[in-house]
Amino acid sequence: MQSVFRGRHFIDLEEFTKEEVDTMLEVSLDLKKKFAMGVPTPYLLHQSMFMMFFEQSTRTRNSMEAGFAQLGGHAGFLDSSSMQIAHGESAKDTATILSRFGHGIACRYCNWGYGNKYLTEMAKHSTVPIMNLQCDLYHPMQALADLMTMKEKIGDLKRTKVSIIWAYAESHKKPISVPVSQVLLFPRYGMDVVLAHPKGWELPDWVIAKAKANAEKYGGTVTVTDNEAEAYAGAHIVIPKNWGNWVNDQTGLQAAGAVAVVDDKLKAQKSWKCTEAKMATADKNVMYMHALPADRNNEVEDSVIDGPHSVVYDEAENRLHTAKAVMTLLMGGR
């Protein structure tokens, strides 16, 4: 077990070895068992953390805030619109001062071309761990919880076919960070990853190249296709979720706030919806996963997300336990 984490930033799981990710999972499982038994885990007693949000949040904010309280510390919620960021304060100044006030900084900033650059800039100047709660490129907290859920349900993941499938949604033009983190992480566990999306919704070329390198190193595979049926066929896990076509089309680009972009290009892809008929072509024990919130009846039929193959609520619960593990390792330990 690799156990040296204290003081490191958590922006991208690619910055951590597979052995270190395994340690995060082991700690997550231990914390989950203790939570179930009502065993206190005051590993970060009297510590303070600052949570900066440029967007709305349900699972991420509450898993971090509740998790940090369960570890014995206090997490302060900061809406960027009510901070001096709104008046132009730099990432450097914000990170420098907040890191003098407490023990960790967590930030969600998803806007294309802005989020990851902002987090990286904060990491240069912070003396405490910077934790990525989702940016325009990565969502490491979600990918880690997804992996934990898969290992709980299946165990050894080698040769497991997991299909990351674009799905139609109208709520807003979403970041690509969830599928990017998934397609990079899952091949490291020997999975056969299928990435399926309509033409025009490609992920960056460097992401696919890196994912295929991870697959070659760890014995997995990565297949990219615009054939939705190929992704569902025989799949053990399906993750149909929307993401924006940011790589090819910057419509809706702005520094902050989510924009609904429902144009002809998007509406032409309404057939990319997770249905019971499509699920019937997958493995008989297929699992349906989604990071939530799902755009019900656009991305997925209610009968699927509420049906026997869905593990979305177990997946969401694991956001608490993996968040606690990351905070414990980065802000405590040695």
Protein backbone atom coordinates (compact mmCIF):
# COMPACT_ATOMS: atom_id res chain seq x y z
CA MET A 1 0.00 0.00 0.00
CA GLN A 2 1.28 3.45 -0.93
CA SER A 3 0.62 5.74 2.02
CA VAL A 4 2.35 9.09 1.39
CA PHE A 5 -0.35 11.60 0.44
CA ARG A 6 -0.25 14.46 2.94
CA GLY A 7 -0.11 17.91 1.35
CA ARG A 8 -0.62 16.78 -2.25
CA HIS A 9 -3.13 18.34 -4.61
CA PHE A 10 -6.03 16.34 -6.05
CA ILE A 11 -6.77 17.76 -9.48
CA ASP A 12 -6.49 14.71 -11.75
CA LEU A 13 -6.33 11.00 -10.90
CA GLU A 14 -3.64 10.61 -13.55
CA GLU A 15 -1.31 12.32 -11.05
CA PHE A 16 -1.68 9.29 -8.77
CA THR A 17 -0.32 5.81 -9.41
CA LYS A 18 -2.65 2.83 -9.57
CA GLU A 19 -1.27 1.73 -6.20
CA GLU A 20 -2.20 5.12 -4.75
CA VAL A 21 -5.71 4.90 -6.23
CA ASP A 22 -5.99 1.44 -4.66
CA THR A 23 -5.12 3.00 -1.30
CA MET A 24 -7.86 5.61 -1.76
CA LEU A 25 -10.34 2.80 -2.41
CA GLU A 26 -9.20 0.81 0.65
CA VAL A 27 -9.58 3.88 2.87
CA SER A 28 -13.00 4.60 1.31
CA LEU A 29 -14.23 1.10 2.11
CA ASP A 30 -12.92 1.31 5.67
CA LEU A 31 -14.65 4.65 6.22
CA LYS A 32 -17.87 3.28 4.74
CA LYS A 33 -17.84 0.34 7.18
CA LYS A 34 -17.18 2.62 10.13
CA PHE A 35 -20.00 4.96 9.04
CA ALA A 36 -22.37 1.98 8.82
CA MET A 37 -21.42 0.88 12.35
CA GLY A 38 -21.55 4.36 13.84
CA VAL A 39 -17.84 4.33 14.66
CA PRO A 40 -16.49 7.91 14.93
CA THR A 41 -13.69 8.86 12.54
CA PRO A 42 -12.25 12.13 13.93
CA TYR A 43 -9.19 12.02 11.67
CA LEU A 44 -9.21 15.76 10.84
CA LEU A 45 -10.26 17.12 14.21
CA HIS A 46 -10.48 20.95 14.41
CA GLN A 47 -9.33 21.45 10.82
CA SER A 48 -10.90 24.01 8.48
CA MET A 49 -11.52 23.70 4.75
CA PHE A 50 -12.88 26.17 2.21
CA MET A 51 -15.20 24.98 -0.57
CA MET A 52 -15.40 27.34 -3.55
CA PHE A 53 -18.23 26.85 -6.04
CA PHE A 54 -18.63 28.62 -9.38
CA GLU A 55 -21.68 26.41 -10.13
CA GLN A 56 -24.59 24.75 -8.38
CA SER A 57 -24.08 21.42 -6.63
CA THR A 58 -25.99 18.77 -4.70
CA ARG A 59 -23.90 15.58 -4.30
CA THR A 60 -20.49 17.25 -4.44
CA ARG A 61 -21.16 20.02 -1.95
CA ASN A 62 -23.00 17.81 0.54
CA SER A 63 -20.65 14.83 0.34
CA MET A 64 -17.72 17.15 1.07
CA GLU A 65 -19.46 19.22 3.76
CA ALA A 66 -21.02 16.27 5.59
CA GLY A 67 -17.89 14.18 5.10
CA PHE A 68 -15.60 16.81 6.57
CA ALA A 69 -17.90 17.23 9.58
CA GLN A 70 -17.80 13.45 10.10
CA LEU A 71 -14.00 13.67 10.08
CA GLY A 72 -14.14 16.28 12.86
CA GLY A 73 -13.53 19.45 10.87
CA HIS A 74 -15.50 22.38 9.52
CA ALA A 75 -16.05 23.11 5.82
CA GLY A 76 -17.04 26.63 4.84
CA PHE A 77 -19.14 27.07 1.68
CA LEU A 78 -18.04 29.91 -0.59
CA ASP A 79 -20.16 31.03 -3.54
CA SER A 80 -17.73 32.63 -5.99
CA SER A 81 -20.32 35.30 -6.89
CA SER A 82 -20.23 36.57 -3.32
CA MET A 83 -16.43 36.51 -3.08
CA GLN A 84 -13.98 39.15 -4.25
CA ILE A 85 -13.41 36.88 -7.27
CA ALA A 86 -16.52 38.58 -8.63
CA HIS A 87 -14.57 41.86 -8.53
CA GLY A 88 -11.50 40.40 -10.22
CA GLU A 89 -9.37 39.01 -7.39
CA SER A 90 -6.79 36.61 -8.81
CA ALA A 91 -6.53 32.87 -8.23
CA LYS A 92 -3.09 33.48 -6.74
CA ASP A 93 -4.33 35.93 -4.12
CA THR A 94 -7.38 33.85 -3.25
CA ALA A 95 -5.36 30.64 -2.83
CA THR A 96 -2.55 32.29 -0.89
CA ILE A 97 -4.87 33.87 1.68
CA LEU A 98 -7.30 30.96 2.10
CA SER A 99 -4.41 28.54 2.58
CA ARG A 100 -3.19 30.72 5.47
CA PHE A 101 -6.64 30.55 7.05
CA GLY A 102 -7.09 26.78 7.07
CA HIS A 103 -6.00 23.32 6.01
CA GLY A 104 -7.51 22.67 2.58
CA ILE A 105 -9.27 24.29 -0.39
CA ALA A 106 -11.77 22.54 -2.63
CA CYS A 107 -13.07 24.12 -5.81
CA ARG A 108 -15.63 23.44 -8.54
CA TYR A 109 -15.21 25.47 -11.72
CA CYS A 110 -16.55 23.78 -14.84
CA ASN A 111 -16.51 26.47 -17.52
CA TRP A 112 -14.69 25.41 -20.68
CA GLY A 113 -11.21 26.88 -20.95
CA TYR A 114 -11.33 28.40 -17.47
CA GLY A 115 -11.81 25.78 -14.75
CA ASN A 116 -8.69 23.63 -14.94
CA LYS A 117 -6.47 26.65 -15.54
CA TYR A 118 -7.90 28.31 -12.41
CA LEU A 119 -7.37 25.22 -10.24
CA THR A 120 -3.84 24.74 -11.55
CA GLU A 121 -3.04 28.37 -10.83
CA MET A 122 -4.36 28.04 -7.27
CA ALA A 123 -2.25 24.92 -6.76
CA LYS A 124 0.90 26.88 -7.64
CA HIS A 125 0.33 29.29 -4.77
CA SER A 126 -1.52 27.33 -2.10
CA THR A 127 0.37 25.86 0.85
CA VAL A 128 -2.50 23.40 1.52
CA PRO A 129 -4.08 20.75 -0.74
CA ILE A 130 -6.24 21.96 -3.62
CA MET A 131 -9.04 19.47 -4.34
CA ASN A 132 -10.86 19.43 -7.68
CA LEU A 133 -14.62 19.18 -7.21
CA GLN A 134 -15.03 19.20 -11.02
CA CYS A 135 -13.48 21.39 -13.65
CA ASP A 136 -13.86 21.60 -17.41
CA LEU A 137 -11.49 18.65 -17.94
CA TYR A 138 -11.64 16.34 -14.90
CA HIS A 139 -14.00 15.10 -12.20
CA PRO A 140 -11.73 12.83 -10.11
CA MET A 141 -14.11 12.59 -7.15
CA GLN A 142 -16.86 11.17 -9.37
CA ALA A 143 -14.59 8.73 -11.21
CA LEU A 144 -13.24 7.41 -7.90
CA ALA A 145 -16.78 6.83 -6.56
CA ASP A 146 -17.74 5.11 -9.82
CA LEU A 147 -14.75 2.79 -9.53
CA MET A 148 -15.55 2.01 -5.89
CA THR A 149 -19.14 1.11 -6.85
CA MET A 150 -17.96 -1.19 -9.65
CA LYS A 151 -15.51 -3.00 -7.38
CA GLU A 152 -18.18 -3.44 -4.70
CA LYS A 153 -20.64 -4.91 -7.18
CA ILE A 154 -18.31 -6.95 -9.40
CA GLY A 155 -14.94 -7.39 -7.67
CA ASP A 156 -12.19 -8.09 -10.21
CA LEU A 157 -12.91 -5.74 -13.10
CA LYS A 158 -10.63 -7.27 -15.72
CA ARG A 159 -12.46 -7.91 -19.00
CA THR A 160 -15.52 -6.06 -17.72
CA LYS A 161 -17.15 -4.23 -20.62
CA VAL A 162 -18.03 -0.72 -19.49
CA SER A 163 -19.68 1.57 -22.02
CA ILE A 164 -19.51 5.33 -21.59
CA ILE A 165 -22.30 6.52 -23.87
CA TRP A 166 -23.31 10.04 -24.81
CA ALA A 167 -26.99 10.71 -24.11
CA TYR A 168 -29.34 13.49 -25.18
CA ALA A 169 -30.10 16.28 -22.69
CA GLU A 170 -31.39 19.84 -22.82
CA SER A 171 -30.77 21.17 -19.30
CA HIS A 172 -27.45 22.89 -20.10
CA LYS A 173 -24.28 22.36 -22.10
CA LYS A 174 -22.45 20.10 -19.69
CA PRO A 175 -18.68 19.72 -19.19
CA ILE A 176 -16.78 16.76 -20.62
CA SER A 177 -15.04 16.11 -17.31
CA VAL A 178 -17.02 13.03 -16.23
CA PRO A 179 -16.39 10.94 -19.36
CA VAL A 180 -12.78 12.18 -19.55
CA SER A 181 -12.00 11.02 -16.00
CA GLN A 182 -13.82 7.72 -16.58
CA VAL A 183 -12.14 6.87 -19.88
CA LEU A 184 -8.73 7.59 -18.34
CA LEU A 185 -9.30 5.65 -15.10
CA PHE A 186 -11.22 2.52 -16.08
CA PRO A 187 -8.57 1.04 -18.45
CA ARG A 188 -6.14 1.07 -15.52
CA TYR A 189 -8.25 -1.71 -14.00
CA GLY A 190 -8.14 -3.94 -17.08
CA MET A 191 -11.63 -3.02 -18.27
CA ASP A 192 -12.79 -3.07 -21.89
CA VAL A 193 -13.95 0.51 -22.27
CA VAL A 194 -16.25 1.56 -25.10
CA LEU A 195 -16.71 5.29 -25.64
CA ALA A 196 -19.74 5.96 -27.85
CA HIS A 197 -20.99 9.34 -29.03
CA PRO A 198 -22.46 11.01 -32.11
CA LYS A 199 -20.05 12.64 -34.53
CA GLY A 200 -19.21 16.09 -33.23
CA TRP A 201 -19.15 15.13 -29.54
CA GLU A 202 -15.59 13.79 -29.51
CA LEU A 203 -13.34 14.02 -26.47
CA PRO A 204 -9.88 15.59 -26.98
CA ASP A 205 -7.39 13.51 -28.98
CA TRP A 206 -4.87 13.60 -26.11
CA VAL A 207 -7.46 12.03 -23.79
CA ILE A 208 -8.01 9.08 -26.12
CA ALA A 209 -4.26 8.64 -26.64
CA LYS A 210 -3.67 8.62 -22.89
CA ALA A 211 -6.57 6.24 -22.26
CA LYS A 212 -5.23 3.79 -24.84
CA ALA A 213 -1.76 3.99 -23.27
CA ASN A 214 -3.31 3.17 -19.88
CA ALA A 215 -5.14 0.23 -21.46
CA GLU A 216 -1.96 -1.12 -23.01
CA LYS A 217 -0.09 -0.86 -19.70
CA TYR A 218 -2.78 -2.50 -17.56
CA GLY A 219 -4.38 -4.98 -19.94
CA GLY A 220 -7.58 -3.17 -20.81
CA THR A 221 -8.91 -1.92 -24.12
CA VAL A 222 -10.39 1.34 -25.38
CA THR A 223 -12.77 1.47 -28.34
CA VAL A 224 -14.24 4.71 -29.69
CA THR A 225 -17.36 4.47 -31.85
CA ASP A 226 -20.36 6.43 -33.12
CA ASN A 227 -22.41 3.21 -33.07
CA GLU A 228 -24.65 3.28 -30.00
CA ALA A 229 -25.80 -0.32 -30.47
CA GLU A 230 -22.19 -1.54 -30.38
CA ALA A 231 -21.77 0.09 -26.96
CA TYR A 232 -24.85 -1.55 -25.43
CA ALA A 233 -24.29 -5.02 -26.91
CA GLY A 234 -23.15 -7.39 -24.16
CA ALA A 235 -22.09 -4.57 -21.84
CA HIS A 236 -21.67 -5.34 -18.13
CA ILE A 237 -21.91 -1.66 -17.17
CA VAL A 238 -23.47 1.21 -19.12
CA ILE A 239 -23.03 4.88 -18.27
CA PRO A 240 -25.24 6.89 -20.64
CA LYS A 241 -24.69 10.56 -19.85
CA ASN A 242 -24.75 13.84 -21.71
CA TRP A 243 -21.75 16.08 -22.31
CA GLY A 244 -21.29 19.16 -24.46
CA ASN A 245 -19.54 19.31 -27.82
CA TRP A 246 -16.97 21.73 -26.43
CA VAL A 247 -14.02 20.26 -28.32
CA ASN A 248 -15.59 21.18 -31.66
CA ASP A 249 -18.04 23.98 -30.85
CA GLN A 250 -17.61 26.76 -28.28
CA THR A 251 -21.22 27.96 -28.53
CA GLY A 252 -22.28 28.94 -25.02
CA LEU A 253 -18.75 29.73 -23.88
CA GLN A 254 -18.52 32.16 -20.96
CA ALA A 255 -16.39 32.59 -17.86
CA ALA A 256 -19.09 31.59 -15.37
CA GLY A 257 -22.60 30.16 -15.32
CA ALA A 258 -24.15 27.29 -17.25
CA VAL A 259 -25.78 27.96 -20.63
CA ALA A 260 -28.59 25.95 -22.21
CA VAL A 261 -27.69 25.37 -25.86
CA VAL A 262 -30.48 23.52 -27.67
CA ASP A 263 -29.70 23.89 -31.37
CA ASP A 264 -30.41 21.83 -34.46
CA LYS A 265 -27.18 19.85 -34.07
CA LEU A 266 -28.21 18.76 -30.59
CA LYS A 267 -31.87 18.06 -31.42
CA ALA A 268 -30.79 15.77 -34.25
CA GLN A 269 -29.37 13.37 -31.62
CA LYS A 270 -32.59 12.78 -29.61
CA SER A 271 -32.42 9.05 -30.37
CA TRP A 272 -29.37 8.74 -28.09
CA LYS A 273 -31.47 7.82 -25.08
CA CYS A 274 -31.09 4.93 -22.66
CA THR A 275 -34.17 2.74 -23.04
CA GLU A 276 -35.27 -0.65 -21.78
CA ALA A 277 -34.99 -1.97 -25.33
CA LYS A 278 -31.32 -0.96 -25.51
CA MET A 279 -30.63 -2.32 -22.03
CA ALA A 280 -32.07 -5.67 -23.16
CA THR A 281 -29.16 -6.04 -25.61
CA ALA A 282 -26.59 -5.75 -22.82
CA ASP A 283 -25.48 -8.50 -20.41
CA LYS A 284 -28.39 -9.93 -18.40
CA ASN A 285 -26.84 -8.53 -15.20
CA VAL A 286 -25.93 -5.16 -16.70
CA MET A 287 -25.59 -2.23 -14.29
CA TYR A 288 -26.88 1.23 -15.17
CA MET A 289 -24.79 4.07 -13.71
CA HIS A 290 -25.06 7.86 -13.87
CA ALA A 291 -23.25 10.63 -12.00
CA LEU A 292 -26.60 12.45 -11.51
CA PRO A 293 -28.54 14.59 -11.92
CA ALA A 294 -30.00 12.68 -14.85
CA ASP A 295 -32.13 14.50 -17.41
CA ARG A 296 -35.01 12.04 -17.05
CA ASN A 297 -36.91 11.11 -20.21
CA ASN A 298 -34.20 12.74 -22.33
CA GLU A 299 -31.07 10.89 -21.24
CA VAL A 300 -32.89 7.88 -19.81
CA GLU A 301 -36.33 6.34 -19.35
CA ASP A 302 -37.67 6.38 -15.79
CA SER A 303 -38.15 2.63 -15.98
CA VAL A 304 -34.38 2.20 -16.46
CA ILE A 305 -33.04 4.62 -13.85
CA ASP A 306 -35.65 3.40 -11.34
CA GLY A 307 -35.39 -0.23 -12.43
CA PRO A 308 -33.54 -3.30 -11.14
CA HIS A 309 -30.34 -2.65 -13.10
CA SER A 310 -29.82 0.84 -11.71
CA VAL A 311 -27.18 1.42 -9.01
CA VAL A 312 -27.25 5.22 -9.15
CA TYR A 313 -28.07 5.73 -5.47
CA ASP A 314 -25.32 3.40 -4.28
CA GLU A 315 -22.99 5.23 -6.66
CA ALA A 316 -24.09 8.59 -5.25
CA GLU A 317 -23.63 7.42 -1.65
CA ASN A 318 -20.07 6.44 -2.45
CA ARG A 319 -19.31 10.08 -3.21
CA LEU A 320 -19.38 10.59 0.58
CA HIS A 321 -16.96 7.80 1.40
CA THR A 322 -14.46 8.51 -1.38
CA ALA A 323 -14.49 12.23 -0.54
CA LYS A 324 -13.72 11.42 3.09
CA ALA A 325 -10.88 9.14 1.99
CA VAL A 326 -9.30 11.80 -0.22
CA MET A 327 -9.55 14.46 2.49
CA THR A 328 -8.17 12.12 5.16
CA LEU A 329 -5.18 11.12 3.05
CA LEU A 330 -4.33 14.59 1.75
CA MET A 331 -5.01 16.59 4.92
CA GLY A 332 -4.13 14.00 7.59
CA GLY A 333 -1.87 11.00 7.57
CA ARG A 334 1.80 11.56 6.95
